[in-house]
Amino acid sequence: MARHTMDVPVAAGHEALDALMASRWSCRGYRPDPVPREVIEAILETARRAPSWCNTQPWHLHIASADATNRFRAALTAHVGQAPTENPDIAFPEAYEGVYQERRRASGWQLYESVGIAKGDRVASAKQMMRNFELFDAPHVAIVTTEAKLGTYGAVDCGVFVNSFVLAAHSHDVATIPQAALASQAPFIRGFFGIPQDRLVLLGISFGYPDVDHPINSYRTDRQSRDDLATWVES
C-alpha cells in the first residue's frame, strides 16, 4: 500500500493553522477595493479541498464581482426595507437558551459598544442590524448553497467548506463574515442569482479587504475553554 506524506512539516503546519485560527475575525467594515480575481481563485483552490461525507462536495458558490455586489446590495436593502417575513430554506434556531443565549448577548453587546450604541436604543440597534443586508459595505459576496436532497448532512459538509473558505481568505489578508441573516431572504436571493430550486440557500459570505480603522473591527469575541468543549472518555 502506498504511503502518503504531508508536503508541509507537521510542526510548521500546526503553527500556521493555529495562527490563522487565532487571528481570524468576522469583519463588519470593509474598504471598497475589489479583491483581484486571481486572489479569489487562489482562495477557492484551497477551500475546495474541504472534506465531505463520501466526498459528495455538496457546496456551490455564486460569487459576485464588485459591480454585481453593489447591484445585489441595493436590491436586497430595498427588498428588506419593505419588511418581508423571514423565509429561510433551513429553519432558524427555535430559541437561544442558557449558555447559548449568554454568548449571543455578550457578542451583541461587544458589537454595539464598539460603535457607541447604548443599551435600549432600539432605533440604533435596528439600523445596525440592517447593515447585514448592506453586506457591511464589502465589495464581494459569495452565496453558499447545498443540494436539497442531501439534507442536514449536506449542510454540515457546507459548514466545513465555509470554514475552509474563511481561513483560506484570511491567509491572503482577505477578511470575511459568514452571514446567516442573508438566508432569511432565500427566495429573493434565489431569484436574484438564478439559483435552481433544488439548491438550498444556506448563507452568504461577505468578503474584501478590511477597514482596520473602523471601530466595529476593534473587538474580538471569546471562545469556550478546552475543558468546556470536550468530555474525555477514558474507559
Protein backbone atom coordinates (compact mmCIF):
# COMPACT_ATOMS: atom_id res chain seq x y z
CA MET A 1 0.00 0.00 0.00
CA ALA A 2 1.35 3.40 -0.95
CA ARG A 3 2.10 5.72 1.95
CA HIS A 4 1.20 9.38 1.56
CA THR A 5 3.29 12.02 3.30
CA MET A 6 2.49 15.62 4.01
CA ASP A 7 4.28 18.24 1.96
CA VAL A 8 4.31 20.64 4.93
CA PRO A 9 6.14 19.59 8.12
CA VAL A 10 3.64 18.81 10.89
CA ALA A 11 5.05 21.43 13.26
CA ALA A 12 5.02 24.16 10.61
CA GLY A 13 1.50 23.19 9.52
CA HIS A 14 0.24 23.29 13.09
CA GLU A 15 1.77 26.69 13.76
CA ALA A 16 0.37 28.16 10.56
CA LEU A 17 -3.13 26.83 11.22
CA ASP A 18 -3.07 27.93 14.86
CA ALA A 19 -2.02 31.43 13.80
CA LEU A 20 -4.82 31.62 11.23
CA MET A 21 -7.45 30.39 13.70
CA ALA A 22 -6.26 32.72 16.45
CA SER A 23 -6.17 35.85 14.30
CA ARG A 24 -9.28 35.44 12.10
CA TRP A 25 -12.34 37.51 12.99
CA SER A 26 -15.72 38.37 11.47
CA CYS A 27 -15.20 41.67 9.67
CA ARG A 28 -18.02 44.22 9.66
CA GLY A 29 -16.24 47.14 8.00
CA TYR A 30 -14.54 46.96 4.58
CA ARG A 31 -12.53 49.08 2.19
CA PRO A 32 -14.14 49.46 -1.24
CA ASP A 33 -11.18 47.95 -3.13
CA PRO A 34 -12.20 44.81 -5.05
CA VAL A 35 -10.26 41.62 -4.45
CA PRO A 36 -8.40 40.60 -7.63
CA ARG A 37 -9.94 37.63 -9.43
CA GLU A 38 -6.71 35.64 -9.13
CA VAL A 39 -6.75 36.02 -5.34
CA ILE A 40 -10.36 34.80 -5.13
CA GLU A 41 -9.44 31.85 -7.33
CA ALA A 42 -6.50 31.05 -5.05
CA ILE A 43 -8.88 31.07 -2.06
CA LEU A 44 -11.20 28.66 -3.89
CA GLU A 45 -8.26 26.44 -4.83
CA THR A 46 -7.51 25.94 -1.13
CA ALA A 47 -11.11 25.76 0.09
CA ARG A 48 -12.16 23.16 -2.48
CA ARG A 49 -10.08 20.57 -0.62
CA ALA A 50 -12.54 20.61 2.30
CA PRO A 51 -13.72 17.12 3.33
CA SER A 52 -17.31 15.95 2.89
CA TRP A 53 -19.35 12.82 3.52
CA CYS A 54 -18.50 10.26 0.80
CA ASN A 55 -16.70 13.11 -0.99
CA THR A 56 -20.06 14.43 -2.19
CA GLN A 57 -18.84 18.07 -2.11
CA PRO A 58 -22.41 19.45 -1.99
CA TRP A 59 -21.40 23.12 -1.88
CA HIS A 60 -21.70 25.62 -4.69
CA LEU A 61 -20.96 29.34 -4.61
CA HIS A 62 -22.39 32.26 -6.56
CA ILE A 63 -19.60 34.84 -6.25
CA ALA A 64 -20.43 38.44 -7.11
CA SER A 65 -17.96 40.90 -8.59
CA ALA A 66 -17.79 44.38 -7.08
CA ASP A 67 -20.35 45.72 -9.58
CA ALA A 68 -22.68 42.75 -9.11
CA THR A 69 -22.34 43.02 -5.34
CA ASN A 70 -23.37 46.67 -5.45
CA ARG A 71 -26.45 45.78 -7.51
CA PHE A 72 -27.32 42.98 -5.10
CA ARG A 73 -26.75 45.20 -2.06
CA ALA A 74 -29.09 47.88 -3.42
CA ALA A 75 -31.77 45.39 -4.43
CA LEU A 76 -31.61 43.46 -1.15
CA THR A 77 -31.80 46.51 1.09
CA ALA A 78 -34.74 47.82 -0.91
CA HIS A 79 -36.45 44.44 -0.57
CA VAL A 80 -35.80 44.16 3.17
CA GLY A 81 -36.94 47.76 3.59
CA GLN A 82 -40.43 46.54 2.67
CA ALA A 83 -40.34 44.38 5.86
CA PRO A 84 -40.81 40.93 4.28
CA THR A 85 -41.20 37.93 6.57
CA GLU A 86 -38.23 35.67 7.22
CA ASN A 87 -38.28 32.75 4.79
CA PRO A 88 -35.11 30.65 5.13
CA ASP A 89 -34.71 27.36 3.29
CA ILE A 90 -33.49 25.77 6.54
CA ALA A 91 -35.31 26.67 9.74
CA PHE A 92 -33.52 29.10 12.04
CA PRO A 93 -32.92 28.12 15.71
CA GLU A 94 -36.13 27.76 17.74
CA ALA A 95 -34.57 29.54 20.72
CA TYR A 96 -31.29 30.59 22.29
CA GLU A 97 -31.24 29.47 25.92
CA GLY A 98 -28.74 29.11 28.73
CA VAL A 99 -25.10 29.46 27.76
CA TYR A 100 -26.02 29.95 24.09
CA GLN A 101 -28.10 33.00 24.94
CA GLU A 102 -25.32 34.29 27.19
CA ARG A 103 -22.75 34.02 24.40
CA ARG A 104 -25.12 35.59 21.90
CA ARG A 105 -25.80 38.55 24.17
CA ALA A 106 -22.13 39.03 25.01
CA SER A 107 -21.23 39.11 21.33
CA GLY A 108 -24.05 41.52 20.57
CA TRP A 109 -23.09 43.96 23.31
CA GLN A 110 -19.48 43.92 22.18
CA LEU A 111 -20.66 44.89 18.71
CA TYR A 112 -22.96 47.66 19.99
CA GLU A 113 -20.36 49.08 22.34
CA SER A 114 -17.77 49.23 19.54
CA VAL A 115 -19.98 51.65 17.58
CA GLY A 116 -21.45 53.51 20.56
CA ILE A 117 -24.96 52.03 20.63
CA ALA A 118 -26.41 52.30 24.14
CA LYS A 119 -28.43 49.54 25.76
CA GLY A 120 -32.10 50.03 24.99
CA ASP A 121 -31.53 52.13 21.86
CA ARG A 122 -33.75 50.10 19.58
CA VAL A 123 -33.57 52.57 16.70
CA ALA A 124 -29.78 52.42 16.54
CA SER A 125 -29.68 48.65 17.04
CA ALA A 126 -32.23 48.14 14.26
CA LYS A 127 -30.15 50.35 11.96
CA GLN A 128 -27.08 48.29 12.81
CA MET A 129 -29.00 45.08 12.09
CA MET A 130 -29.78 46.41 8.62
CA ARG A 131 -26.04 46.60 7.97
CA ASN A 132 -26.23 42.82 7.47
CA PHE A 133 -28.23 43.39 4.29
CA GLU A 134 -25.85 46.13 3.21
CA LEU A 135 -23.15 43.43 3.45
CA PHE A 136 -21.20 45.78 5.74
CA ASP A 137 -20.03 47.57 2.56
CA ALA A 138 -18.00 44.55 1.46
CA PRO A 139 -17.04 44.61 -2.23
CA HIS A 140 -17.91 40.94 -2.71
CA VAL A 141 -20.40 38.34 -1.55
CA ALA A 142 -20.46 34.59 -2.07
CA ILE A 143 -23.83 32.85 -1.73
CA VAL A 144 -23.38 29.29 -0.44
CA THR A 145 -25.92 26.65 -1.48
CA THR A 146 -26.27 22.92 -0.98
CA GLU A 147 -28.09 20.10 -2.76
CA ALA A 148 -31.56 19.88 -1.19
CA LYS A 149 -31.76 16.08 -1.34
CA LEU A 150 -28.62 15.73 0.80
CA GLY A 151 -30.48 17.28 3.72
CA THR A 152 -28.87 18.11 7.03
CA TYR A 153 -25.57 16.41 6.28
CA GLY A 154 -25.14 18.32 3.06
CA ALA A 155 -25.49 21.49 5.11
CA VAL A 156 -22.98 20.16 7.65
CA ASP A 157 -20.49 19.49 4.85
CA CYS A 158 -21.01 23.05 3.60
CA GLY A 159 -20.20 24.32 7.08
CA VAL A 160 -16.81 22.61 6.81
CA PHE A 161 -16.33 24.26 3.42
CA VAL A 162 -17.24 27.70 4.78
CA ASN A 163 -14.60 27.35 7.49
CA SER A 164 -12.06 26.36 4.86
CA PHE A 165 -13.03 29.36 2.74
CA VAL A 166 -12.73 31.93 5.54
CA LEU A 167 -9.37 30.55 6.69
CA ALA A 168 -8.04 30.46 3.13
CA ALA A 169 -9.23 34.04 2.63
CA HIS A 170 -7.57 35.14 5.87
CA SER A 171 -4.29 33.60 4.69
CA HIS A 172 -4.48 36.04 1.74
CA ASP A 173 -5.27 39.00 4.06
CA VAL A 174 -8.88 38.97 2.82
CA ALA A 175 -11.44 39.47 5.58
CA THR A 176 -14.78 37.66 5.70
CA ILE A 177 -18.04 37.39 7.58
CA PRO A 178 -20.36 34.40 7.11
CA GLN A 179 -23.93 35.76 7.31
CA ALA A 180 -26.88 33.53 8.13
CA ALA A 181 -29.03 36.69 8.13
CA LEU A 182 -29.00 36.68 4.33
CA ALA A 183 -30.65 33.26 4.31
CA SER A 184 -33.76 34.84 5.84
CA GLN A 185 -34.47 36.14 2.33
CA ALA A 186 -33.74 32.90 0.49
CA PRO A 187 -36.46 33.29 -2.21
CA PHE A 188 -35.24 36.78 -3.11
CA ILE A 189 -31.63 35.61 -3.26
CA ARG A 190 -32.59 32.62 -5.37
CA GLY A 191 -34.34 34.88 -7.85
CA PHE A 192 -31.57 37.47 -7.98
CA PHE A 193 -28.80 34.97 -8.66
CA GLY A 194 -30.83 32.48 -10.69
CA ILE A 195 -30.25 29.66 -8.19
CA PRO A 196 -32.12 26.44 -9.07
CA GLN A 197 -34.98 25.31 -6.85
CA ASP A 198 -33.14 22.11 -5.91
CA ARG A 199 -30.41 24.14 -4.17
CA LEU A 200 -30.89 25.36 -0.60
CA VAL A 201 -29.57 28.83 0.24
CA LEU A 202 -27.50 28.39 3.42
CA LEU A 203 -25.78 31.74 3.94
CA GLY A 204 -23.72 34.44 2.32
CA ILE A 205 -20.06 35.20 2.91
CA SER A 206 -19.30 38.91 2.51
CA PHE A 207 -15.61 39.49 1.92
CA GLY A 208 -12.96 42.01 0.95
CA TYR A 209 -10.09 43.95 2.43
CA PRO A 210 -10.79 45.12 5.98
CA ASP A 211 -11.08 48.70 7.13
CA VAL A 212 -8.82 48.19 10.14
CA ASP A 213 -9.56 51.69 11.44
CA HIS A 214 -13.31 51.13 11.65
CA PRO A 215 -14.31 50.84 15.34
CA ILE A 216 -16.56 47.87 14.67
CA ASN A 217 -13.48 45.84 13.80
CA SER A 218 -11.82 46.61 17.14
CA TYR A 219 -13.30 43.84 19.30
CA ARG A 220 -12.84 40.08 19.41
CA THR A 221 -15.23 37.51 20.86
CA ASP A 222 -14.22 34.90 23.44
CA ARG A 223 -14.16 31.13 22.94
CA GLN A 224 -15.01 28.38 25.39
CA SER A 225 -12.17 26.58 27.15
CA ARG A 226 -10.87 23.16 26.19
CA ASP A 227 -12.43 21.77 29.38
CA ASP A 228 -15.84 23.07 28.35
CA LEU A 229 -15.80 21.83 24.78
CA ALA A 230 -14.90 18.17 25.36
CA THR A 231 -15.85 15.26 27.57
CA TRP A 232 -13.00 12.79 27.97
CA VAL A 233 -13.93 9.08 27.95
CA GLU A 234 -11.05 7.05 29.39
CA SER A 235 -12.51 3.55 29.58
